[in-house]
Amino acid sequence: MTRVLVVPSGYPEELIPYRGIFYKRQAESLHGDDLEITVAYPEIWSIKTFGKQKDNSGLTVNKENGIVTYRMKGYNYFANLPYTTEGIFYNRLKKLYNKLVSEQGKPTVIHAHSCLWAGYAAAKISKEENIPLVITEHSSVFGRGLLKPYQKRLVKDALDQANEIIAVGPRLRNELAEYTTKPIHLIPNAVDPSFFQVPDKVPNEPFRFISVANLNRNKGMDVLIDAFEKKFKGTAAELKIGGDGPVRGELEALVKEKGLSNQIEFLGALDKEQVKSALEEAHVFVLASRYETFGVVLVEAMAAGKPLIATKCGGPEAIVSDKTGVLVPVDDSNALGTAMSNMEKQYEEYHPDTIRLECKERFSETAVNQHLQQIYQNVTKNTEKIVK
């Protein structure tokens, strides 16, 4: 039995239930006969949530969907100061690690998600405890130029300690290569295709586009709204936008200003069941992001048999093929609008069952987990050779 300690940089919390949801789903899908998964998450609260937190601070241990999960909850009062967040994350992770070792024994391998902050903290424990380390990088901070100089040093330190490094998208893999000479595996995020289904019949008219994302500037919803206006204003076509976030008010004002309130609807934050229903009612999924390391929502749409329109923003290039959809330049509302118009005309050329099959072959949990299990086996064998 291989015992894997998963250390996520983010994980679902009471106030942010979808934070790190893909880390959680991957942990749950891996947990089984051959792998025993335990999660350790230093849940660092922003001082902006002061007075809103209902949980008590401190260490908790619970089974969450069958996985033993250790959390160390509390505020970070020094978030804007260098070398503070990573220090708090490490100190809390160390306490969680000591607790779980006393109760479960030493893990076989540590798998951290994202260098900042889990990868850095896990790397220190990996070195101290002589446990092999796998790091999967998901973050868009590399491509968006958001790393501070001291954070770049922390990333390099984490990757130097890692036995295996994984990136979820090709552009992100190239960006990580600036920090290490080690090989970097390309293993995408996974979805459970069995949850999403191809509808029994074509969605009802009018022709309907859907986009689901966290509503921040990076997701390019402003460009999508402009593109929709240029090609579909005054027609019967509709655009549904799922999600919530800091620019939702601005986007709603933009829709009203353009006179599109009767064609564009904001659905708000959606749980998994609601995403499934929204996909079933739509004809085409659109992602207008300015940067993505991967794009799990694209794969979910594929599992539902929906053709895709996405920007060439780093992640979709590894997902969208000629059989599944169309790629357009970033921040180009003319190209995006043309692609949407062409998709409406050529909709019947895309076959839902073909799209879903490609999803299952490339992005199912089974396919992704096989890659991860091989990674765990490799680091375990290599460690045993060193010990001998």
Protein backbone atom coordinates (compact mmCIF):
# COMPACT_ATOMS: atom_id res chain seq x y z
CA MET A 1 0.00 0.00 0.00
CA THR A 2 1.40 3.38 -1.05
CA ARG A 3 0.49 6.10 1.43
CA VAL A 4 0.30 9.51 -0.23
CA LEU A 5 0.16 12.74 1.75
CA VAL A 6 -1.54 15.38 -0.40
CA VAL A 7 -0.66 18.97 0.48
CA PRO A 8 -2.79 21.48 -1.47
CA SER A 9 -2.16 25.20 -1.70
CA GLY A 10 -5.92 25.68 -1.63
CA TYR A 11 -8.77 23.43 -0.55
CA PRO A 12 -12.53 23.88 -0.14
CA GLU A 13 -13.35 25.99 2.91
CA GLU A 14 -16.61 27.08 4.47
CA LEU A 15 -16.45 30.61 3.04
CA ILE A 16 -14.82 29.52 -0.25
CA PRO A 17 -16.34 26.10 -1.02
CA TYR A 18 -14.81 25.84 -4.51
CA ARG A 19 -11.26 26.81 -3.60
CA GLY A 20 -8.96 24.00 -4.73
CA ILE A 21 -11.91 21.83 -5.67
CA PHE A 22 -9.86 20.04 -8.34
CA TYR A 23 -7.22 19.05 -5.77
CA LYS A 24 -9.99 17.56 -3.66
CA ARG A 25 -11.55 15.66 -6.55
CA GLN A 26 -8.20 14.24 -7.59
CA ALA A 27 -7.46 13.09 -4.03
CA GLU A 28 -10.85 11.40 -3.83
CA SER A 29 -10.44 9.67 -7.19
CA LEU A 30 -6.97 8.35 -6.26
CA HIS A 31 -8.00 6.99 -2.86
CA GLY A 32 -8.55 3.25 -3.21
CA ASP A 33 -7.14 -0.26 -2.90
CA ASP A 34 -3.58 0.57 -3.99
CA LEU A 35 -3.33 4.13 -2.68
CA GLU A 36 -4.20 5.52 0.73
CA ILE A 37 -4.64 9.28 0.51
CA THR A 38 -4.38 11.66 3.47
CA VAL A 39 -4.74 15.43 3.10
CA ALA A 40 -2.96 18.06 5.20
CA TYR A 41 -4.12 21.62 4.59
CA PRO A 42 -2.98 24.73 6.48
CA GLU A 43 -6.20 26.73 6.06
CA ILE A 44 -4.95 30.31 6.16
CA TRP A 45 -7.72 32.85 6.58
CA SER A 46 -7.49 36.37 5.17
CA ILE A 47 -8.02 39.17 7.67
CA LYS A 48 -10.71 40.39 5.25
CA THR A 49 -12.84 37.52 6.55
CA PHE A 50 -12.44 38.58 10.18
CA GLY A 51 -15.77 38.20 11.93
CA LYS A 52 -17.18 36.02 9.16
CA GLN A 53 -15.46 32.76 10.06
CA LYS A 54 -17.75 30.38 11.94
CA ASP A 55 -15.14 27.71 12.63
CA ASN A 56 -12.74 27.89 15.52
CA SER A 57 -9.07 28.29 14.73
CA GLY A 58 -6.71 25.42 15.45
CA LEU A 59 -6.10 21.84 14.36
CA THR A 60 -8.93 19.58 13.23
CA VAL A 61 -9.04 16.02 11.89
CA ASN A 62 -12.08 14.76 10.00
CA LYS A 63 -13.02 12.28 7.31
CA GLU A 64 -14.13 14.24 4.27
CA ASN A 65 -15.71 12.00 1.61
CA GLY A 66 -13.78 9.05 3.01
CA ILE A 67 -10.38 10.80 3.16
CA VAL A 68 -8.75 11.65 6.49
CA THR A 69 -8.16 15.39 6.30
CA TYR A 70 -6.00 17.40 8.69
CA ARG A 71 -6.59 21.15 8.78
CA MET A 72 -4.82 23.90 10.71
CA LYS A 73 -7.12 26.91 10.67
CA GLY A 74 -6.24 30.50 11.47
CA TYR A 75 -5.62 34.01 10.18
CA ASN A 76 -2.58 35.49 8.45
CA TYR A 77 -2.11 39.00 9.79
CA PHE A 78 1.03 39.65 7.73
CA ALA A 79 -0.05 38.57 4.23
CA ASN A 80 1.59 41.50 2.43
CA LEU A 81 5.04 41.04 3.97
CA PRO A 82 7.69 38.90 2.23
CA TYR A 83 8.59 35.57 3.81
CA THR A 84 5.54 35.50 6.06
CA THR A 85 2.82 33.50 4.29
CA GLU A 86 5.24 30.72 3.37
CA GLY A 87 6.55 30.67 6.95
CA ILE A 88 3.05 30.41 8.41
CA PHE A 89 2.12 27.73 5.88
CA TYR A 90 5.23 25.67 6.71
CA ASN A 91 4.82 25.99 10.50
CA ARG A 92 1.20 24.88 10.34
CA LEU A 93 1.96 22.08 7.90
CA LYS A 94 4.72 20.82 10.21
CA LYS A 95 2.24 20.60 13.09
CA LEU A 96 -0.22 18.73 10.88
CA TYR A 97 2.53 16.40 9.69
CA ASN A 98 3.64 15.56 13.24
CA LYS A 99 0.04 14.89 14.24
CA LEU A 100 -0.71 12.57 11.30
CA VAL A 101 2.57 10.67 11.69
CA SER A 102 1.77 10.02 15.33
CA GLU A 103 -1.65 8.67 14.32
CA GLN A 104 -0.99 7.01 10.95
CA GLY A 105 2.74 6.61 10.55
CA LYS A 106 5.08 8.13 7.99
CA PRO A 107 3.72 8.65 4.45
CA THR A 108 5.38 6.95 1.50
CA VAL A 109 5.35 10.06 -0.70
CA ILE A 110 4.24 13.68 -0.48
CA HIS A 111 2.28 15.20 -3.37
CA ALA A 112 2.03 19.01 -3.20
CA HIS A 113 -0.16 21.12 -5.44
CA SER A 114 1.46 24.40 -6.56
CA CYS A 115 4.85 25.64 -5.40
CA LEU A 116 3.35 28.59 -3.56
CA TRP A 117 2.74 27.77 -0.89
CA ALA A 118 2.31 24.00 -0.55
CA GLY A 119 5.28 23.03 -2.71
CA TYR A 120 7.72 25.17 -0.77
CA ALA A 121 6.50 23.96 2.64
CA ALA A 122 6.30 20.32 1.54
CA ALA A 123 9.83 20.55 0.12
CA LYS A 124 11.18 21.50 3.54
CA ILE A 125 9.44 18.56 5.18
CA SER A 126 10.54 16.26 2.36
CA LYS A 127 14.15 17.22 3.02
CA GLU A 128 13.85 17.01 6.80
CA GLU A 129 12.05 13.66 6.81
CA ASN A 130 13.65 12.07 3.72
CA ILE A 131 10.33 11.49 1.97
CA PRO A 132 10.08 11.66 -1.85
CA LEU A 133 8.21 14.68 -3.16
CA VAL A 134 6.00 15.20 -6.21
CA ILE A 135 4.89 18.73 -7.12
CA THR A 136 2.08 19.50 -9.54
CA GLU A 137 1.98 23.11 -10.65
CA HIS A 138 -1.37 24.63 -11.55
CA SER A 139 -0.91 28.35 -11.03
CA SER A 140 -1.23 31.07 -13.65
CA VAL A 141 1.12 33.42 -11.76
CA PHE A 142 4.06 32.32 -13.91
CA GLY A 143 2.58 33.33 -17.24
CA ARG A 144 0.95 36.48 -15.90
CA GLY A 145 4.17 37.92 -14.49
CA LEU A 146 2.85 38.03 -10.93
CA LEU A 147 5.79 36.43 -9.12
CA LYS A 148 7.90 38.68 -6.89
CA PRO A 149 11.68 38.14 -6.89
CA TYR A 150 11.71 36.42 -3.50
CA GLN A 151 8.86 34.13 -4.61
CA LYS A 152 10.90 33.07 -7.63
CA ARG A 153 13.60 31.90 -5.22
CA LEU A 154 11.04 29.92 -3.23
CA VAL A 155 9.77 28.25 -6.41
CA LYS A 156 13.30 27.26 -7.37
CA ASP A 157 13.93 25.85 -3.88
CA ALA A 158 10.76 23.76 -4.08
CA LEU A 159 11.54 22.38 -7.53
CA ASP A 160 15.15 21.62 -6.54
CA GLN A 161 13.85 19.31 -3.81
CA ALA A 162 11.12 17.66 -5.88
CA ASN A 163 11.73 14.12 -7.17
CA GLU A 164 9.12 14.55 -9.90
CA ILE A 165 7.53 17.70 -11.34
CA ILE A 166 4.21 17.91 -13.15
CA ALA A 167 2.56 20.75 -15.09
CA VAL A 168 -1.10 20.66 -16.09
CA GLY A 169 -0.60 22.48 -19.40
CA PRO A 170 2.07 22.86 -22.12
CA ARG A 171 2.59 26.60 -21.70
CA LEU A 172 2.94 26.22 -17.95
CA ARG A 173 5.49 23.45 -18.48
CA ASN A 174 7.59 25.81 -20.60
CA GLU A 175 7.33 28.52 -17.95
CA LEU A 176 8.40 26.15 -15.17
CA ALA A 177 11.43 25.13 -17.21
CA GLU A 178 12.91 28.55 -16.40
CA TYR A 179 13.23 27.44 -12.76
CA THR A 180 14.60 23.92 -13.11
CA THR A 181 16.60 21.67 -15.42
CA LYS A 182 14.65 18.60 -14.31
CA PRO A 183 12.20 16.95 -16.71
CA ILE A 184 8.61 18.13 -16.30
CA HIS A 185 5.72 15.76 -16.93
CA LEU A 186 2.59 17.01 -18.65
CA ILE A 187 -0.43 15.52 -16.86
CA PRO A 188 -3.74 17.35 -17.23
CA ASN A 189 -6.43 17.79 -14.62
CA ALA A 190 -9.14 15.14 -14.84
CA VAL A 191 -12.90 15.02 -14.84
CA ASP A 192 -15.35 12.25 -14.07
CA PRO A 193 -17.05 11.68 -17.46
CA SER A 194 -19.71 9.52 -15.85
CA PHE A 195 -21.14 12.56 -14.07
CA PHE A 196 -21.72 14.45 -17.32
CA GLN A 197 -23.81 12.92 -20.07
CA VAL A 198 -24.62 13.68 -23.69
CA PRO A 199 -28.28 14.82 -23.73
CA ASP A 200 -30.72 12.48 -25.45
CA LYS A 201 -31.72 15.24 -27.83
CA VAL A 202 -30.40 18.51 -29.23
CA PRO A 203 -31.06 21.45 -26.85
CA ASN A 204 -34.16 23.48 -27.56
CA GLU A 205 -33.95 26.68 -29.56
CA PRO A 206 -32.89 29.45 -29.44
CA PHE A 207 -29.21 28.76 -30.09
CA ARG A 208 -27.47 29.08 -26.74
CA PHE A 209 -23.84 29.72 -25.77
CA ILE A 210 -22.61 29.15 -22.23
CA SER A 211 -19.49 30.17 -20.33
CA VAL A 212 -18.70 29.26 -16.72
CA ALA A 213 -15.83 30.82 -14.78
CA ASN A 214 -14.79 32.86 -11.79
CA LEU A 215 -15.76 36.37 -12.84
CA ASN A 216 -12.43 38.18 -12.72
CA ARG A 217 -10.69 40.18 -15.41
CA ASN A 218 -8.51 37.25 -16.51
CA LYS A 219 -11.55 35.27 -17.69
CA GLY A 220 -12.19 37.72 -20.54
CA MET A 221 -15.97 37.92 -20.10
CA ASP A 222 -15.87 41.52 -21.30
CA VAL A 223 -14.43 40.30 -24.61
CA LEU A 224 -17.07 37.58 -24.83
CA ILE A 225 -19.85 40.11 -24.31
CA ASP A 226 -18.38 42.36 -27.01
CA ALA A 227 -18.10 39.42 -29.39
CA PHE A 228 -21.70 38.38 -28.74
CA GLU A 229 -22.91 41.94 -29.35
CA LYS A 230 -21.13 42.17 -32.71
CA LYS A 231 -22.67 39.00 -34.16
CA PHE A 232 -25.88 38.31 -32.26
CA LYS A 233 -27.44 41.51 -30.94
CA GLY A 234 -31.08 41.58 -31.95
CA THR A 235 -31.16 37.89 -32.88
CA ALA A 236 -32.78 35.05 -30.97
CA ALA A 237 -29.41 33.72 -29.74
CA GLU A 238 -28.62 33.67 -26.03
CA LEU A 239 -25.53 33.72 -23.85
CA LYS A 240 -25.56 32.28 -20.34
CA ILE A 241 -22.73 33.24 -17.96
CA GLY A 242 -22.21 31.08 -14.89
CA GLY A 243 -20.05 32.07 -11.95
CA ASP A 244 -19.45 34.94 -9.56
CA GLY A 245 -16.54 37.18 -8.74
CA PRO A 246 -15.15 40.70 -8.36
CA VAL A 247 -16.11 42.03 -11.81
CA ARG A 248 -19.64 40.66 -11.96
CA GLY A 249 -21.17 44.08 -11.30
CA GLU A 250 -19.10 45.65 -14.08
CA LEU A 251 -20.11 42.92 -16.50
CA GLU A 252 -23.79 43.27 -15.66
CA ALA A 253 -23.50 47.02 -16.23
CA LEU A 254 -21.77 46.39 -19.57
CA VAL A 255 -24.59 44.08 -20.70
CA LYS A 256 -27.18 46.66 -19.72
CA GLU A 257 -25.27 49.45 -21.46
CA LYS A 258 -25.14 47.42 -24.69
CA GLY A 259 -28.85 46.66 -24.54
CA LEU A 260 -28.31 42.91 -24.24
CA SER A 261 -30.15 42.21 -20.99
CA ASN A 262 -32.81 40.17 -22.81
CA GLN A 263 -30.16 37.94 -24.44
CA ILE A 264 -27.40 37.59 -21.82
CA GLU A 265 -28.20 36.07 -18.44
CA PHE A 266 -25.93 35.82 -15.39
CA LEU A 267 -26.55 32.53 -13.58
CA GLY A 268 -24.47 33.25 -10.48
CA ALA A 269 -22.26 30.73 -8.70
CA LEU A 270 -23.08 27.17 -9.78
CA ASP A 271 -22.52 23.90 -7.98
CA LYS A 272 -21.59 20.78 -9.93
CA GLU A 273 -25.20 19.72 -10.51
CA GLN A 274 -26.09 23.19 -11.76
CA VAL A 275 -23.12 23.22 -14.14
CA LYS A 276 -24.31 19.88 -15.49
CA SER A 277 -27.83 21.21 -16.07
CA ALA A 278 -26.59 24.42 -17.67
CA LEU A 279 -24.37 22.46 -20.08
CA GLU A 280 -27.25 20.19 -21.08
CA GLU A 281 -29.37 23.21 -22.02
CA ALA A 282 -26.63 24.89 -24.11
CA HIS A 283 -25.37 24.22 -27.63
CA VAL A 284 -21.77 25.50 -27.37
CA PHE A 285 -19.30 26.23 -24.57
CA VAL A 286 -17.11 29.35 -24.84
CA LEU A 287 -14.00 30.26 -22.84
CA ALA A 288 -12.55 33.72 -23.51
CA SER A 289 -9.77 33.70 -20.91
CA ARG A 290 -6.64 35.79 -21.18
CA TYR A 291 -4.60 33.07 -19.48
CA GLU A 292 -5.29 29.48 -18.39
CA THR A 293 -2.89 26.83 -17.20
CA PHE A 294 -5.41 24.17 -18.23
CA GLY A 295 -9.19 24.68 -18.34
CA VAL A 296 -11.09 21.90 -16.58
CA VAL A 297 -14.44 23.41 -17.47
CA LEU A 298 -13.61 22.83 -21.14
CA VAL A 299 -13.12 19.13 -20.43
CA GLU A 300 -16.39 19.01 -18.49
CA ALA A 301 -18.13 20.50 -21.51
CA MET A 302 -16.50 17.84 -23.69
CA ALA A 303 -17.82 15.13 -21.36
CA ALA A 304 -21.30 16.54 -22.06
CA GLY A 305 -20.60 16.37 -25.81
CA LYS A 306 -20.47 20.15 -26.33
CA PRO A 307 -18.32 21.74 -29.04
CA LEU A 308 -15.84 24.30 -27.74
CA ILE A 309 -14.67 27.79 -28.60
CA ALA A 310 -11.64 28.91 -26.60
CA THR A 311 -8.76 31.36 -26.70
CA LYS A 312 -5.15 30.39 -27.26
CA CYS A 313 -4.29 31.33 -23.70
CA GLY A 314 -1.97 28.53 -22.59
CA GLY A 315 -4.18 25.62 -21.56
CA PRO A 316 -6.88 25.21 -24.21
CA GLU A 317 -4.30 24.49 -26.90
CA ALA A 318 -3.77 21.10 -25.24
CA ILE A 319 -7.50 20.41 -25.03
CA VAL A 320 -9.30 21.71 -28.14
CA SER A 321 -8.83 19.73 -31.36
CA ASP A 322 -10.38 19.99 -34.81
CA LYS A 323 -12.93 17.39 -33.74
CA THR A 324 -13.94 19.25 -30.59
CA GLY A 325 -13.94 22.93 -31.47
CA VAL A 326 -12.12 26.11 -32.46
CA LEU A 327 -9.29 28.22 -31.02
CA VAL A 328 -9.06 32.01 -31.42
CA PRO A 329 -6.53 34.67 -30.36
CA VAL A 330 -6.72 36.25 -26.90
CA ASP A 331 -8.48 39.62 -26.55
CA ASP A 332 -9.83 39.52 -30.11
CA SER A 333 -13.59 40.06 -29.98
CA ASN A 334 -13.85 40.09 -33.77
CA ALA A 335 -12.25 36.65 -34.12
CA LEU A 336 -14.27 35.32 -31.19
CA GLY A 337 -17.52 36.65 -32.62
CA THR A 338 -16.76 35.16 -36.02
CA ALA A 339 -15.99 31.78 -34.45
CA MET A 340 -19.28 31.88 -32.53
CA SER A 341 -21.22 32.81 -35.68
CA ASN A 342 -19.53 30.05 -37.69
CA MET A 343 -20.17 27.54 -34.93
CA GLU A 344 -23.88 28.29 -35.04
CA LYS A 345 -23.90 27.64 -38.79
CA GLN A 346 -21.71 24.52 -38.59
CA TYR A 347 -23.10 23.11 -35.35
CA GLU A 348 -24.26 19.85 -36.88
CA GLU A 349 -20.72 19.09 -38.08
CA TYR A 350 -19.66 18.47 -34.48
CA HIS A 351 -20.68 15.08 -33.13
CA PRO A 352 -21.41 14.88 -29.37
CA ASP A 353 -20.41 11.23 -29.02
CA THR A 354 -17.06 11.86 -30.74
CA ILE A 355 -16.37 14.82 -28.46
CA ARG A 356 -17.23 12.80 -25.36
CA LEU A 357 -15.06 9.85 -26.47
CA GLU A 358 -12.03 12.12 -26.86
CA CYS A 359 -12.67 13.43 -23.36
CA LYS A 360 -12.74 9.93 -21.88
CA GLU A 361 -9.59 8.80 -23.69
CA ARG A 362 -7.53 11.84 -22.73
CA PHE A 363 -8.95 13.41 -19.58
CA SER A 364 -10.86 10.81 -17.57
CA GLU A 365 -9.87 10.18 -13.97
CA THR A 366 -8.83 6.67 -14.98
CA ALA A 367 -6.41 7.95 -17.63
CA VAL A 368 -4.91 10.66 -15.40
CA ASN A 369 -4.68 8.44 -12.32
CA GLN A 370 -2.69 5.83 -14.23
CA HIS A 371 -0.05 8.49 -14.93
CA LEU A 372 0.03 9.61 -11.30
CA GLN A 373 0.26 6.06 -9.96
CA GLN A 374 3.26 5.47 -12.23
CA ILE A 375 4.87 8.66 -10.89
CA TYR A 376 4.39 7.46 -7.30
CA GLN A 377 5.87 4.06 -8.16
CA ASN A 378 8.88 5.69 -9.79
CA VAL A 379 9.76 7.94 -6.85
CA THR A 380 9.25 5.09 -4.38
CA LYS A 381 11.52 2.71 -6.32
CA ASN A 382 14.18 5.37 -6.79
CA THR A 383 14.14 6.18 -3.08
CA GLU A 384 14.46 2.49 -2.17
CA LYS A 385 17.49 2.19 -4.46
CA ILE A 386 19.16 5.16 -2.75
CA VAL A 387 18.50 3.69 0.70
CA LYS A 388 19.94 0.30 -0.30
